[in-house]
Amino acid sequence: MPSIGLGVLFAKNDGEVEKAVTSALKSGYRKIDTASAYQNERGVGTGIIESGVPRDEVFLTTKVWNTEQGYDQTLRAFDQSLKKLQTNYIDLYLIHWPVKLKYKDTYKAMEQIYQSGKAKAIGVCNFSIAQLEDLMTHTSIVPAVNQVEMHPHHSQTALLTFAKAHHIQLEAWRPIMMGEVLQVPELVAIGKVHDISAVQVTLRWLIQRGVAVIPKSVTPKRIAQNIDIFDFELAAHEMDIIEGLNQDRNLGEDLSHIE
């Protein structure tokens, strides 16, 4: 799985998401992250086709939404995602939120999908350490990925330590705090040292922590800037400064209660 990809939350079908996906793939991205709940899977699939990049060179992620969870429901939801994305397989299929009484049955359906070869990997989003432990005692396949909110104000250090110990790849959503990182003085100062933006500093910090990132943008210039983070490295003291910004602050709403 590429360490950086394009997130497409709120990007609309009928032009916007297609252009964002095409722009990202032309800029060198090879990972696109969508979800059933985003209601833009069809546009994502069209964007990949229109880009001219072969399907087997694109790492495609989608997710099963809360109202689609349960064993049989998940199997049906996956088939619908395949049709909308205009592909015959998904690289990574995720549980979008841990719906309390459903996520185990949902994951069992995902294990069947994985064994069929229609999903190359399966995982979860927004799972706590306790939820991961509970899931892993009832299933045979360790989640390949746990996609969670992670940014300088919510560093999730304990979860990262747990994930590394169990070979679960963490992936950060909302990594640049919806642009708020541009107003964080410490990030701006570090950016000036390297002649880069606070956004690039933040994405590089996450990559150096061993966390994958999926920053969202529909602007070609920003899409290109977000992936331009591999020709510099943050020093240890700079990493420490960013780690010190943690406030355990959630920007996203917990949607696990929605069934």
Protein backbone atom coordinates (compact mmCIF):
# COMPACT_ATOMS: atom_id res chain seq x y z
CA MET A 1 0.00 0.00 0.00
CA PRO A 2 1.41 3.42 -0.92
CA SER A 3 2.13 5.61 2.09
CA ILE A 4 0.16 8.56 0.70
CA GLY A 5 -3.13 8.65 -1.18
CA LEU A 6 -5.99 10.91 -2.11
CA GLY A 7 -9.01 11.13 0.16
CA VAL A 8 -12.27 12.11 -1.55
CA LEU A 9 -14.73 12.81 1.30
CA PHE A 10 -17.32 15.42 0.15
CA ALA A 11 -16.02 15.35 -3.45
CA LYS A 12 -19.04 15.09 -5.72
CA ASN A 13 -19.80 12.90 -8.73
CA ASP A 14 -20.45 14.53 -12.11
CA GLY A 15 -17.06 16.15 -12.52
CA GLU A 16 -15.48 17.14 -9.22
CA VAL A 17 -14.31 13.76 -7.92
CA GLU A 18 -13.42 12.51 -11.41
CA LYS A 19 -11.12 15.51 -11.96
CA ALA A 20 -9.55 15.16 -8.51
CA VAL A 21 -8.79 11.47 -9.07
CA THR A 22 -7.38 12.07 -12.55
CA SER A 23 -5.27 14.99 -11.29
CA ALA A 24 -3.92 12.91 -8.41
CA LEU A 25 -2.96 9.96 -10.60
CA LYS A 26 -1.24 12.31 -13.07
CA SER A 27 0.67 13.85 -10.12
CA GLY A 28 2.04 10.44 -9.12
CA TYR A 29 -0.51 9.22 -6.60
CA ARG A 30 -1.28 5.54 -6.76
CA LYS A 31 -3.77 5.26 -3.87
CA ILE A 32 -7.37 6.49 -3.85
CA ASP A 33 -9.54 6.25 -0.72
CA THR A 34 -13.32 6.38 -0.97
CA ALA A 35 -16.33 4.86 0.85
CA SER A 36 -19.90 3.83 0.23
CA ALA A 37 -21.01 6.67 2.50
CA TYR A 38 -19.22 9.29 0.37
CA GLN A 39 -21.66 8.55 -2.47
CA ASN A 40 -18.94 9.11 -5.07
CA GLU A 41 -17.71 5.59 -5.82
CA ARG A 42 -19.00 5.78 -9.39
CA GLY A 43 -17.09 9.00 -10.00
CA VAL A 44 -13.93 7.54 -8.48
CA GLY A 45 -14.16 4.54 -10.79
CA THR A 46 -14.69 6.78 -13.79
CA GLY A 47 -11.74 8.97 -12.78
CA ILE A 48 -9.43 5.98 -12.58
CA ILE A 49 -10.55 4.79 -16.02
CA GLU A 50 -10.21 8.26 -17.57
CA SER A 51 -6.72 8.74 -16.10
CA GLY A 52 -5.31 6.02 -18.34
CA VAL A 53 -3.39 4.53 -15.40
CA PRO A 54 -3.80 0.74 -15.43
CA ARG A 55 -6.14 -0.52 -12.71
CA ASP A 56 -3.47 -2.84 -11.31
CA GLU A 57 -1.25 0.19 -10.61
CA VAL A 58 -3.89 1.91 -8.45
CA PHE A 59 -4.42 0.93 -4.80
CA LEU A 60 -8.16 1.40 -4.30
CA THR A 61 -9.82 1.51 -0.88
CA THR A 62 -13.52 1.62 -0.07
CA LYS A 63 -15.56 1.04 3.09
CA VAL A 64 -18.79 -0.56 4.27
CA TRP A 65 -21.10 1.96 5.96
CA ASN A 66 -22.85 1.44 9.31
CA THR A 67 -26.32 0.83 7.84
CA GLU A 68 -24.85 -1.82 5.50
CA GLN A 69 -23.25 -3.86 8.28
CA GLY A 70 -24.06 -7.43 9.24
CA TYR A 71 -22.97 -10.61 7.44
CA ASP A 72 -25.37 -10.78 4.50
CA GLN A 73 -25.72 -7.02 4.23
CA THR A 74 -21.95 -6.59 3.94
CA LEU A 75 -21.72 -9.11 1.12
CA ARG A 76 -24.41 -7.19 -0.78
CA ALA A 77 -22.81 -3.82 -0.03
CA PHE A 78 -19.45 -5.02 -1.33
CA ASP A 79 -21.00 -6.15 -4.62
CA GLN A 80 -22.65 -2.75 -4.99
CA SER A 81 -19.33 -0.99 -4.41
CA LEU A 82 -17.67 -3.14 -7.06
CA LYS A 83 -20.34 -2.17 -9.60
CA LYS A 84 -20.13 1.53 -8.81
CA LEU A 85 -16.32 1.53 -8.89
CA GLN A 86 -16.41 -0.35 -12.20
CA THR A 87 -13.83 -2.89 -11.09
CA ASN A 88 -13.74 -6.59 -10.25
CA TYR A 89 -11.66 -6.28 -7.08
CA ILE A 90 -10.83 -3.86 -4.26
CA ASP A 91 -7.31 -3.52 -2.87
CA LEU A 92 -8.50 -2.71 0.67
CA TYR A 93 -12.00 -3.08 2.12
CA LEU A 94 -12.67 -1.48 5.50
CA ILE A 95 -15.35 -1.33 8.19
CA HIS A 96 -16.10 2.40 8.31
CA TRP A 97 -17.12 2.53 12.00
CA PRO A 98 -17.29 -0.16 14.72
CA VAL A 99 -21.06 -0.59 15.09
CA LYS A 100 -21.18 -2.38 18.44
CA LEU A 101 -23.43 -5.36 17.76
CA LYS A 102 -22.52 -5.79 14.11
CA TYR A 103 -18.79 -5.37 13.50
CA LYS A 104 -17.86 -8.99 14.21
CA ASP A 105 -20.40 -10.39 11.72
CA THR A 106 -19.41 -7.68 9.27
CA TYR A 107 -15.76 -8.66 9.54
CA LYS A 108 -16.58 -12.35 9.06
CA ALA A 109 -18.24 -11.44 5.77
CA MET A 110 -15.13 -9.45 4.86
CA GLU A 111 -12.97 -12.49 5.60
CA GLN A 112 -15.06 -14.43 3.07
CA ILE A 113 -14.61 -11.62 0.54
CA TYR A 114 -10.87 -11.67 1.16
CA GLN A 115 -10.69 -15.45 0.70
CA SER A 116 -12.55 -15.09 -2.60
CA GLY A 117 -9.81 -12.79 -3.89
CA LYS A 118 -12.21 -9.92 -4.54
CA ALA A 119 -10.54 -7.88 -1.78
CA LYS A 120 -6.76 -8.04 -1.60
CA ALA A 121 -6.77 -6.91 2.04
CA ILE A 122 -9.33 -6.13 4.74
CA GLY A 123 -9.30 -3.89 7.78
CA VAL A 124 -11.15 -1.40 9.93
CA CYS A 125 -11.55 2.29 10.67
CA ASN A 126 -11.92 4.12 13.96
CA PHE A 127 -11.31 1.08 16.18
CA SER A 128 -9.90 1.60 19.67
CA ILE A 129 -7.37 -0.77 21.23
CA ALA A 130 -10.17 -2.52 23.15
CA GLN A 131 -12.26 -2.95 20.01
CA LEU A 132 -9.28 -4.32 18.08
CA GLU A 133 -8.57 -6.81 20.85
CA ASP A 134 -12.22 -7.88 20.91
CA LEU A 135 -12.34 -8.30 17.14
CA MET A 136 -9.12 -10.28 16.98
CA THR A 137 -10.36 -12.81 19.54
CA HIS A 138 -13.31 -13.67 17.29
CA THR A 139 -11.73 -13.62 13.83
CA SER A 140 -8.90 -15.40 12.07
CA ILE A 141 -7.42 -12.54 10.02
CA VAL A 142 -5.74 -9.62 11.77
CA PRO A 143 -6.94 -6.32 10.23
CA ALA A 144 -4.32 -5.10 7.78
CA VAL A 145 -5.20 -1.45 8.42
CA ASN A 146 -6.89 0.69 11.06
CA GLN A 147 -7.79 4.05 9.56
CA VAL A 148 -8.23 6.64 12.32
CA GLU A 149 -8.29 10.35 12.95
CA MET A 150 -4.69 11.38 13.52
CA HIS A 151 -3.02 14.78 13.32
CA PRO A 152 -0.73 17.00 15.45
CA HIS A 153 -3.52 17.69 17.97
CA HIS A 154 -4.49 14.00 18.18
CA SER A 155 -1.32 11.93 17.95
CA GLN A 156 -2.81 8.57 19.09
CA THR A 157 0.55 7.37 20.41
CA ALA A 158 -0.79 4.42 22.44
CA LEU A 159 -2.85 3.18 19.49
CA LEU A 160 0.17 3.50 17.20
CA THR A 161 2.31 1.47 19.60
CA PHE A 162 -0.37 -1.24 19.78
CA ALA A 163 -0.80 -1.32 16.03
CA LYS A 164 2.92 -1.72 15.38
CA ALA A 165 3.11 -4.56 17.91
CA HIS A 166 0.33 -6.41 16.06
CA HIS A 167 1.48 -5.53 12.52
CA ILE A 168 -1.57 -3.36 11.85
CA GLN A 169 -0.89 -0.40 9.57
CA LEU A 170 -2.37 2.86 10.84
CA GLU A 171 -3.68 5.30 8.25
CA ALA A 172 -4.56 8.88 9.16
CA TRP A 173 -7.76 10.60 8.09
CA ARG A 174 -8.11 14.35 8.55
CA PRO A 175 -4.28 14.50 8.85
CA ILE A 176 -4.02 18.22 8.13
CA MET A 177 -6.90 19.17 10.44
CA MET A 178 -9.04 20.56 7.59
CA GLY A 179 -6.28 23.10 6.92
CA GLU A 180 -5.88 24.19 10.55
CA VAL A 181 -2.23 23.11 10.53
CA LEU A 182 -1.52 26.27 8.50
CA GLN A 183 -2.31 28.26 11.66
CA VAL A 184 -0.12 26.26 14.06
CA PRO A 185 3.00 28.41 14.74
CA GLU A 186 5.32 25.47 15.46
CA LEU A 187 4.44 23.79 12.16
CA VAL A 188 4.81 27.02 10.23
CA ALA A 189 8.24 27.61 11.80
CA ILE A 190 9.47 24.11 10.94
CA GLY A 191 8.17 24.62 7.40
CA LYS A 192 10.24 27.79 6.99
CA VAL A 193 13.40 25.86 7.91
CA HIS A 194 12.74 23.40 5.08
CA ASP A 195 11.09 25.92 2.71
CA ILE A 196 7.84 23.95 2.70
CA SER A 197 4.29 24.45 3.98
CA ALA A 198 2.92 23.45 7.37
CA VAL A 199 0.75 20.94 5.51
CA GLN A 200 3.84 19.25 4.04
CA VAL A 201 5.51 19.27 7.48
CA THR A 202 2.48 17.52 8.99
CA LEU A 203 2.24 14.87 6.29
CA ARG A 204 5.96 14.20 6.54
CA TRP A 205 5.69 13.85 10.34
CA LEU A 206 3.05 11.18 9.94
CA ILE A 207 5.01 9.31 7.26
CA GLN A 208 8.11 9.30 9.48
CA ARG A 209 5.98 7.88 12.33
CA GLY A 210 5.16 4.97 10.06
CA VAL A 211 1.59 6.15 9.45
CA ALA A 212 -0.02 6.25 6.00
CA VAL A 213 -1.93 9.41 5.02
CA ILE A 214 -4.90 10.27 2.80
CA PRO A 215 -5.17 14.09 2.65
CA LYS A 216 -8.32 15.29 0.89
CA SER A 217 -8.25 17.95 -1.83
CA VAL A 218 -9.97 18.66 -5.13
CA THR A 219 -7.50 21.40 -6.13
CA PRO A 220 -4.79 20.18 -8.56
CA LYS A 221 -2.10 22.48 -7.11
CA ARG A 222 -2.71 21.30 -3.54
CA ILE A 223 -2.99 17.68 -4.65
CA ALA A 224 0.48 17.98 -6.22
CA GLN A 225 1.94 19.77 -3.17
CA ASN A 226 0.64 17.15 -0.76
CA ILE A 227 2.62 14.35 -2.38
CA ASP A 228 5.81 16.44 -2.63
CA ILE A 229 7.14 15.30 0.75
CA PHE A 230 9.79 12.75 -0.08
CA ASP A 231 12.85 14.93 -0.75
CA PHE A 232 13.39 16.07 2.85
CA GLU A 233 13.39 14.60 6.35
CA LEU A 234 12.38 16.08 9.68
CA ALA A 235 15.05 16.07 12.36
CA ALA A 236 14.49 14.24 15.65
CA HIS A 237 13.98 17.48 17.58
CA GLU A 238 11.40 18.63 15.00
CA MET A 239 9.53 15.35 15.38
CA ASP A 240 9.57 15.89 19.15
CA ILE A 241 8.15 19.40 18.79
CA ILE A 242 5.23 18.09 16.76
CA GLU A 243 4.64 15.21 19.19
CA GLY A 244 4.38 17.85 21.92
CA LEU A 245 1.43 19.50 20.19
CA ASN A 246 -0.94 16.67 21.13
CA GLN A 247 -4.18 17.71 22.84
CA ASP A 248 -6.14 14.44 22.39
CA ARG A 249 -8.46 16.63 20.34
CA ASN A 250 -11.01 15.04 18.03
CA LEU A 251 -12.15 17.09 15.04
CA GLY A 252 -14.39 14.37 13.64
CA GLU A 253 -17.66 13.20 15.15
CA ASP A 254 -17.97 9.62 16.43
CA LEU A 255 -20.50 8.02 14.07
CA SER A 256 -20.38 4.48 15.43
CA HIS A 257 -23.87 4.89 16.91
CA ILE A 258 -25.50 5.27 13.49
CA GLU A 259 -27.18 2.03 12.43
